[in-house]
Protein backbone atom coordinates (compact mmCIF):
# COMPACT_ATOMS: atom_id res chain seq x y z
CA MET A 1 3.80 20.27 -21.45
CA ALA A 2 4.23 16.43 -19.81
CA THR A 3 8.07 16.48 -19.92
CA ASN A 4 8.10 19.51 -18.39
CA SER A 5 5.38 18.59 -15.80
CA ILE A 6 7.07 15.07 -15.07
CA GLU A 7 10.53 16.30 -13.49
CA PRO A 8 9.26 18.30 -10.79
CA SER A 9 7.23 15.53 -9.56
CA ILE A 10 10.16 13.12 -9.89
CA ALA A 11 12.05 16.00 -7.63
CA CYS A 12 9.61 15.86 -5.05
CA LEU A 13 9.40 11.85 -4.79
CA ALA A 14 12.92 12.28 -4.08
CA VAL A 15 12.60 14.69 -1.66
CA ILE A 16 10.38 13.10 -0.22
CA VAL A 17 12.07 9.67 0.30
CA LEU A 18 15.21 11.25 1.34
CA PHE A 19 13.71 13.41 3.74
CA CYS A 20 11.84 10.29 5.19
CA GLU A 21 15.12 8.02 5.26
CA VAL A 22 16.87 10.49 6.86
CA ALA A 23 14.04 10.70 9.97
CA ARG A 24 14.48 7.00 9.40
CA ARG A 25 18.17 7.01 10.67
CA VAL A 26 17.93 9.95 13.24
CA VAL A 27 15.50 7.87 14.90
CA LEU A 28 17.38 4.73 15.29
CA LYS A 29 20.16 6.85 16.32
CA ILE A 30 18.29 8.64 18.96
CA THR A 31 15.28 6.12 20.43
CA SER A 32 16.94 3.36 22.42
CA LYS A 33 13.81 1.19 23.38
CA ARG A 34 12.60 -0.98 20.42
CA TYR A 35 9.16 -0.54 20.63
CA TYR A 36 8.81 3.03 20.32
CA GLU A 37 10.83 2.49 17.25
CA GLY A 38 8.74 0.48 15.51
CA LEU A 39 5.85 2.53 15.99
CA LEU A 40 8.62 6.01 14.64
CA MET A 41 9.09 3.72 11.70
CA GLU A 42 5.51 3.08 10.66
CA ILE A 43 4.86 7.02 10.63
CA ILE A 44 7.61 7.77 8.96
CA SER A 45 7.16 5.22 6.13
CA THR A 46 3.84 5.34 5.68
CA PHE A 47 4.35 9.61 5.22
CA GLN A 48 6.68 7.91 2.90
CA LEU A 49 3.88 5.78 0.61
CA CYS A 50 1.09 8.10 1.05
CA ALA A 51 2.64 10.91 0.10
CA CYS A 52 4.63 9.38 -3.03
CA THR A 53 1.33 7.87 -3.71
CA HIS A 54 -0.32 11.38 -4.01
CA GLU A 55 2.08 12.56 -6.60
CA LEU A 56 1.57 9.58 -8.88
CA LYS A 57 -1.82 9.71 -8.34
CA LEU A 58 -1.37 12.96 -9.65
CA LEU A 59 0.02 12.30 -11.91
CA GLY A 60 -2.30 9.94 -13.32
CA ASP A 61 -5.56 11.86 -12.98
CA TYR A 62 -4.49 14.57 -15.33
CA GLY A 63 -2.78 12.18 -17.73
CA ILE A 64 0.67 13.46 -17.52
CA VAL A 65 2.12 10.09 -18.21
CA ASP A 66 1.03 7.15 -19.80
CA GLN A 67 -0.11 3.70 -19.06
CA GLN A 68 3.86 2.22 -19.47
CA ILE A 69 5.41 4.95 -17.52
CA GLY A 70 3.37 5.32 -15.10
CA LEU A 71 3.39 1.40 -13.95
CA THR A 72 7.39 1.97 -14.50
CA LEU A 73 7.09 4.77 -11.71
CA THR A 74 5.15 2.37 -9.55
CA TYR A 75 7.54 -0.39 -10.01
CA VAL A 76 10.70 1.83 -9.30
CA MET A 77 8.79 3.11 -6.17
CA THR A 78 7.43 0.08 -4.94
CA VAL A 79 11.18 -0.90 -4.78
CA VAL A 80 12.07 2.25 -3.22
CA HIS A 81 10.01 1.90 -0.52
CA LEU A 82 10.21 -1.83 0.00
CA LEU A 83 14.01 -1.34 0.55
CA THR A 84 14.10 1.74 2.98
CA PHE A 85 10.90 0.56 5.32
CA ARG A 86 12.96 -1.68 7.29
CA THR A 87 10.68 -3.11 9.83
CA ALA A 88 7.96 -1.28 8.61
CA THR A 89 4.61 -2.64 6.88
CA SER A 90 2.12 0.83 6.30
CA ASN A 91 -0.58 -1.35 6.00
CA PRO A 92 -2.83 -1.91 8.99
CA SER A 93 -3.67 -5.26 7.21
CA ALA A 94 -0.20 -6.42 7.51
CA SER A 95 -0.50 -5.59 11.53
CA LEU A 96 -3.70 -7.93 11.72
CA GLU A 97 -1.98 -10.45 10.26
CA GLN A 98 1.22 -10.01 12.61
CA ILE A 99 -1.28 -10.27 15.60
CA TYR A 100 -2.09 -14.07 13.86
CA ARG A 101 1.25 -14.58 13.79
CA ARG A 102 1.97 -13.99 16.99
CA LYS A 103 4.67 -11.53 16.32
CA LEU A 104 2.57 -8.29 17.91
CA SER A 105 0.44 -7.74 20.75
CA ILE A 106 -3.46 -6.54 20.02
CA LYS A 107 -2.64 -3.61 21.74
CA SER A 108 0.91 -3.15 19.91
CA ALA A 109 -0.75 -3.78 16.53
CA ILE A 110 -4.21 -1.30 17.38
CA LEU A 111 -1.21 1.32 18.21
CA ARG A 112 0.72 0.70 15.24
CA ILE A 113 -2.62 0.92 13.11
CA ALA A 114 -2.81 4.06 14.59
CA CYS A 115 -0.14 5.47 13.34
CA GLN A 116 -0.74 4.54 10.09
CA PHE A 117 -3.68 6.56 10.12
CA LEU A 118 -2.81 9.25 11.69
CA SER A 119 0.44 9.30 9.24
CA ALA A 120 -1.91 9.10 6.23
CA ALA A 121 -3.84 11.63 7.36
CA VAL A 122 -0.89 14.35 8.00
CA ALA A 123 0.71 13.36 4.84
CA LYS A 124 -2.49 14.05 2.30
CA LEU A 125 -2.18 17.75 4.36
CA VAL A 126 1.44 18.10 3.23
CA MET A 127 1.16 17.74 0.17
CA HIS A 128 -1.88 19.76 -0.42
CA PHE A 129 0.12 22.54 1.49
CA THR A 130 2.76 21.36 -0.77
CA TRP A 131 0.78 22.01 -3.96
CA SER A 132 -0.73 25.15 -3.22
CA PHE A 133 2.87 26.50 -3.91
CA ALA A 134 2.55 25.53 -7.35
CA PHE A 135 5.91 24.57 -8.03
CA SER A 136 4.82 22.73 -11.37
CA GLU A 137 2.36 23.64 -14.05
CA LEU A 138 0.39 20.06 -12.70
CA HIS A 139 0.15 22.06 -9.08
CA LEU A 140 -0.82 24.91 -10.09
CA ARG A 141 -3.77 23.18 -11.93
CA HIS A 142 -4.66 21.33 -9.47
CA SER A 143 -4.52 24.07 -7.19
CA LEU A 144 -7.03 26.38 -9.44
CA THR A 145 -9.65 23.22 -8.52
CA GLY A 146 -9.47 23.45 -4.92
CA LEU A 147 -7.03 20.73 -4.55
CA GLU A 148 -10.43 18.53 -5.88
CA CYS A 149 -10.24 14.48 -5.15
CA VAL A 150 -12.13 12.61 -7.85
CA SER A 151 -12.39 8.55 -6.78
CA ALA A 152 -10.68 6.04 -8.52
CA LEU A 153 -13.69 3.62 -7.79
CA HIS A 154 -14.95 2.93 -11.43
CA THR A 155 -17.24 -0.37 -11.04
CA SER A 156 -20.91 -1.19 -12.05
CA SER A 157 -20.94 -1.69 -8.49
CA VAL A 158 -19.73 -1.08 -4.65
CA TYR A 159 -19.13 -4.70 -4.19
CA ASN A 160 -17.69 -5.12 -7.23
CA GLY A 161 -15.10 -2.76 -6.49
CA ALA A 162 -14.96 -4.70 -2.80
CA ALA A 163 -14.15 -7.87 -5.26
CA ILE A 164 -11.58 -6.50 -7.18
CA GLU A 165 -9.34 -4.69 -4.03
CA PHE A 166 -10.16 -8.00 -2.33
CA CYS A 167 -8.01 -10.07 -5.04
CA CYS A 168 -5.55 -7.20 -5.35
CA ALA A 169 -5.21 -8.23 -1.26
CA PHE A 170 -4.89 -11.47 -2.00
CA ALA A 171 -2.43 -11.84 -4.91
CA VAL A 172 -0.49 -9.38 -2.94
CA GLN A 173 -0.24 -11.23 0.09
CA SER A 174 0.20 -14.87 -1.57
CA ALA A 175 3.15 -13.82 -3.36
CA VAL A 176 4.61 -12.39 0.15
CA ILE A 177 3.87 -15.61 1.94
CA LYS A 178 5.37 -17.78 -1.14
CA ILE A 179 8.21 -16.47 -1.52
CA GLN A 180 9.99 -16.36 1.68
CA GLN A 181 12.80 -18.40 0.97
CA LEU A 182 14.03 -16.13 -1.84
CA MET A 183 17.25 -13.72 -1.50
CA PRO A 184 16.42 -10.02 -0.54
CA LYS A 185 17.29 -8.77 -3.30
CA TYR A 186 14.56 -10.92 -5.91
CA ARG A 187 11.82 -10.63 -3.04
CA VAL A 188 12.11 -6.83 -3.34
CA CYS A 189 11.68 -7.38 -7.18
CA PHE A 190 9.48 -9.93 -7.42
CA ILE A 191 6.66 -8.49 -5.18
CA ALA A 192 7.25 -4.74 -7.10
CA ALA A 193 6.59 -6.80 -10.18
CA VAL A 194 3.63 -8.71 -8.36
CA VAL A 195 2.38 -5.19 -7.00
CA THR A 196 2.79 -3.35 -10.80
CA PHE A 197 1.07 -6.38 -12.13
CA VAL A 198 -2.12 -5.95 -9.71
CA VAL A 199 -1.92 -2.32 -10.39
CA PHE A 200 -1.88 -2.78 -13.97
CA ALA A 201 -4.82 -5.17 -14.06
CA GLY A 202 -6.95 -3.43 -10.94
CA GLY A 203 -5.86 0.30 -11.61
CA PRO A 204 -8.63 1.20 -13.82
CA LEU A 205 -11.64 -0.22 -11.68
CA THR A 206 -10.38 0.56 -8.24
CA GLY A 207 -6.99 2.27 -8.28
CA ALA A 208 -5.70 -0.97 -7.20
CA VAL A 209 -4.91 0.44 -3.90
CA PHE A 210 -4.91 -3.01 -1.69
CA ASN A 211 -3.87 -1.01 1.69
CA PRO A 212 -6.75 0.81 4.01
CA ALA A 213 -4.29 3.46 5.52
CA LEU A 214 -3.17 4.34 1.57
CA ALA A 215 -6.99 4.52 0.56
CA PHE A 216 -7.59 6.94 3.70
CA SER A 217 -5.20 8.91 2.28
CA THR A 218 -5.80 9.14 -1.16
CA GLN A 219 -9.39 8.07 -1.73
CA PHE A 220 -11.47 9.64 1.48
CA PRO A 221 -13.34 11.45 0.81
CA CYS A 222 -13.08 12.03 -2.91
CA ARG A 223 -16.24 13.25 -4.95
CA GLY A 224 -18.51 10.02 -6.63
CA ASN A 225 -18.62 7.93 -2.96
CA THR A 226 -19.74 8.03 -0.08
CA PHE A 227 -17.62 7.17 3.31
CA LEU A 228 -19.26 3.98 3.87
CA GLU A 229 -18.82 2.71 0.29
CA ASN A 230 -15.29 3.78 0.68
CA ALA A 231 -14.55 1.72 3.88
CA ILE A 232 -16.47 -1.33 2.54
CA VAL A 233 -14.61 -1.08 -1.09
CA TYR A 234 -11.04 0.08 0.14
CA GLY A 235 -11.21 -1.40 3.89
CA LEU A 236 -13.24 -4.58 4.03
CA GLY A 237 -12.15 -6.01 0.53
CA PRO A 238 -8.38 -5.59 1.07
CA MET A 239 -8.76 -7.04 5.01
CA LEU A 240 -10.64 -9.93 3.83
CA GLY A 241 -8.70 -10.64 0.88
CA MET A 242 -5.71 -10.80 3.70
CA ILE A 243 -7.29 -13.06 5.62
CA SER A 244 -8.36 -15.47 2.28
CA SER A 245 -4.76 -15.60 1.48
CA VAL A 246 -3.36 -16.53 4.90
CA LEU A 247 -5.65 -19.11 5.70
CA LEU A 248 -5.20 -20.35 2.57
CA PHE A 249 -1.65 -21.06 2.60
CA ASP A 250 -0.92 -21.79 6.24
CA LYS A 251 -4.39 -23.80 7.04
CA ALA A 252 -6.02 -25.44 3.90
CA ILE A 253 -3.75 -25.85 2.04
CA PRO A 254 -1.16 -28.06 4.37
CA THR A 255 -4.24 -29.83 5.59
CA LEU A 256 -4.97 -30.78 1.94
CA VAL A 257 -1.31 -31.62 1.40
CA LYS A 258 -1.33 -34.18 4.63
CA ARG A 259 -4.56 -35.64 3.93
CA VAL A 260 -3.53 -36.41 0.55
CA GLY A 261 -0.13 -37.96 1.31
CA ARG A 262 -1.30 -40.10 4.25
CA LYS A 263 -1.24 -43.99 2.96
CA PRO A 264 -4.51 -45.70 3.81
CA VAL A 265 -3.98 -48.72 6.06
CA LEU A 266 -4.21 -52.14 4.72
CA LYS A 267 -6.26 -54.29 6.52
CA THR A 268 -4.87 -57.58 6.93
CA GLU A 269 -6.83 -61.28 7.96
């Protein structure tokens, strides 16, 4: 059954990426103002990320793919997302970082974050509508359950879950900061590898989402946890992880290196 069920899902992933890539190219042709182009890119790319993750999550929830195939799909889709997103981040935490680096104004960042959450909500509705057509046995089984979502949080407490999401976001953000000097093609492969490892390590415990908008689409509201609990784990945890990584590499480490490298002044009589 696994072989028969995974093929429609892969086809679904391909259609989603193709549709979004066509939409991005249309936006680039018809949009003259870069400001609106950035917002539309966020909407399209966040939709792609969330819709594809919904399909991958469905494969994992029903045990259609084993861990090795699941991680392979995660790596491949991460590479695809990084290669096609262009200027979009599809992550509210990244938009907050751009405020800190003065690449976005507060107003622009708020609008982008709003677009990300709106697109995340739309992606969930679209995937539910798509699954209702039961293009595969997997979609049919999920439709018969009422498209019920089960929480991916499997920790002893909400704060442990938030700590795991913190670590996931910290690891990915640190990788992004430290590989800026690499060629783009190597950068994409390295980040995809880090994301895949993070999913391997934290996935069984929280799903390793480390993206508030993506979590809003795939985890809210899933049976098993309240909205506040999900907000702490999938909202607060990743944002604190990103902030900690940025402060560590931009402030703490440079300050420490500067102090260590400072030569003592010898007094002469």
